[in-house]
Protein backbone atom coordinates (compact mmCIF):
# COMPACT_ATOMS: atom_id res chain seq x y z
CA MET A 1 0.00 0.00 0.00
CA ALA A 2 1.51 3.32 -1.01
CA ARG A 3 0.98 6.41 1.06
CA TYR A 4 2.50 9.75 0.14
CA GLY A 5 4.77 7.99 -2.32
CA VAL A 6 6.18 5.66 0.36
CA ALA A 7 5.35 1.98 0.41
CA VAL A 8 4.07 0.90 3.82
CA SER A 9 3.85 -2.73 4.76
CA TYR A 10 1.50 -3.75 7.55
CA PRO A 11 1.63 -7.10 9.31
CA ARG A 12 -1.12 -9.43 8.15
CA GLY A 13 -2.92 -9.34 11.52
CA MET A 14 -3.17 -5.55 11.52
CA ALA A 15 -4.34 -5.05 7.97
CA ARG A 16 -7.74 -6.63 8.42
CA PRO A 17 -9.14 -8.20 11.56
CA GLU A 18 -10.13 -11.79 11.21
CA LYS A 19 -13.79 -12.43 10.71
CA ARG A 20 -15.55 -13.61 13.84
CA LYS A 21 -17.14 -17.00 13.71
CA TYR A 22 -20.35 -17.34 15.63
CA GLU A 23 -23.23 -19.70 15.83
CA GLY A 24 -26.45 -18.18 14.53
CA GLY A 25 -29.89 -19.36 15.40
CA ARG A 26 -32.73 -18.95 17.78
CA VAL A 27 -32.41 -17.47 21.22
CA THR A 28 -35.70 -18.86 22.52
CA PRO A 29 -36.84 -22.41 21.97
CA LYS A 30 -39.04 -23.04 18.94
CA GLY A 31 -42.76 -23.02 19.61
CA THR A 32 -42.80 -20.62 22.56
CA LYS A 33 -45.25 -17.75 22.68
CA PRO A 34 -44.90 -14.33 24.39
CA GLY A 35 -47.25 -15.43 27.20
CA ASP A 36 -45.10 -18.47 28.07
CA ARG A 37 -42.34 -16.42 29.67
CA PRO A 38 -42.88 -14.56 32.97
CA SER A 39 -43.00 -10.80 32.57
CA PHE A 40 -41.08 -8.40 34.79
CA GLY A 41 -44.13 -7.15 36.68
CA SER A 42 -45.71 -10.50 37.45
CA SER A 43 -46.15 -12.10 40.83
CA ARG A 44 -43.46 -14.67 40.01
CA ASP A 45 -40.83 -11.95 39.68
CA HIS A 46 -40.16 -10.03 42.86
CA GLY A 47 -37.73 -7.55 41.28
CA PRO A 48 -34.93 -5.77 43.08
CA GLU A 49 -35.15 -5.36 46.81
CA ALA A 50 -36.13 -2.00 48.25
CA SER A 51 -33.29 0.36 49.04
CA SER A 52 -32.91 1.90 52.47
CA ARG A 53 -32.22 5.25 50.77
CA TYR A 54 -35.81 5.75 49.58
CA THR A 55 -37.23 9.15 50.43
CA PRO A 56 -41.02 9.24 50.37
CA PRO A 57 -42.70 12.14 48.56
CA VAL A 58 -43.58 15.23 50.56
CA PRO A 59 -47.28 15.27 51.54
CA ILE A 60 -49.48 17.80 49.75
CA GLU A 61 -50.26 19.54 53.04
CA ASP A 62 -46.58 20.49 53.38
CA LYS A 63 -46.40 22.00 49.88
CA VAL A 64 -48.56 25.05 50.61
CA SER A 65 -46.82 28.36 49.93
CA PRO A 66 -47.03 31.22 52.43
CA ARG A 67 -49.55 33.93 51.61
CA TRP A 68 -46.82 36.46 50.74
CA VAL A 69 -45.48 34.46 47.77
CA PRO A 70 -48.38 35.07 45.35
CA VAL A 71 -48.79 38.63 46.66
CA LEU A 72 -45.12 39.36 45.97
CA MET A 73 -45.30 37.62 42.58
CA PHE A 74 -48.28 39.63 41.32
CA GLY A 75 -46.94 42.81 42.91
CA LEU A 76 -43.59 42.55 41.12
CA LEU A 77 -45.23 41.68 37.80
CA ALA A 78 -47.72 44.54 38.04
CA LEU A 79 -45.15 47.11 39.20
CA GLY A 80 -42.81 46.16 36.32
CA VAL A 81 -45.59 46.52 33.76
CA ILE A 82 -46.68 49.87 35.26
CA ILE A 83 -43.12 51.27 35.17
CA ILE A 84 -42.67 50.22 31.53
CA PHE A 85 -46.07 51.70 30.62
CA LEU A 86 -45.35 54.99 32.43
CA ASN A 87 -41.99 55.22 30.65
CA TYR A 88 -43.77 54.66 27.34
CA ILE A 89 -46.22 57.53 27.89
CA ASP A 90 -43.39 59.78 29.22
CA VAL A 91 -44.77 60.36 32.74
CA VAL A 92 -41.75 59.16 34.74
CA PRO A 93 -39.46 61.79 36.31
CA GLY A 94 -36.41 62.61 34.22
CA GLY A 95 -38.08 61.79 30.90
CA ARG A 96 -37.81 58.62 28.92
CA SER A 97 -34.88 56.47 29.85
CA ASN A 98 -33.72 52.94 29.18
CA TRP A 99 -33.03 52.59 32.92
CA TYR A 100 -36.78 52.61 33.59
CA LEU A 101 -37.22 49.87 31.01
CA LEU A 102 -34.42 47.87 32.59
CA GLY A 103 -35.91 48.35 36.06
CA GLY A 104 -39.37 47.31 34.83
CA LEU A 105 -37.98 44.22 33.14
CA GLY A 106 -36.02 43.40 36.30
CA LEU A 107 -39.22 43.58 38.37
CA ILE A 108 -41.03 41.35 35.88
CA LEU A 109 -38.14 38.87 36.04
CA GLY A 110 -38.36 38.94 39.84
CA GLY A 111 -42.08 38.14 39.55
CA ILE A 112 -41.36 35.22 37.24
CA ILE A 113 -38.68 33.86 39.58
CA THR A 114 -41.08 34.21 42.52
CA ALA A 115 -43.72 32.33 40.47
CA THR A 116 -41.43 29.30 40.38
CA GLN A 117 -41.63 29.08 44.18
CA TYR A 118 -45.45 29.12 44.30
CA ARG A 119 -47.01 25.80 45.27
């Protein structure tokens, strides 16, 4: 085999791996049907044993958010929208500014982040 004008000779074992010889055929005996074998959820199969590290789910009664979470969420969202709207109609002190838009968007983002904590 020539590569870049130089003849390279490979040992016979490296040039091509030998073909594997394997026995083909059925894996399950002939004549069996899908119902003949026990399934993984049946009573005959007990499955893996329970781990001692299992943590049960938290009861629904413990997942109730405090009253201030939705109040804060809606307050931040509303205040952000109001600031952006007031900047749009040029009522904010100092005239129109991108800082008011940034502050309004920051308040809306705070409301969205607070919404993720609401249960």
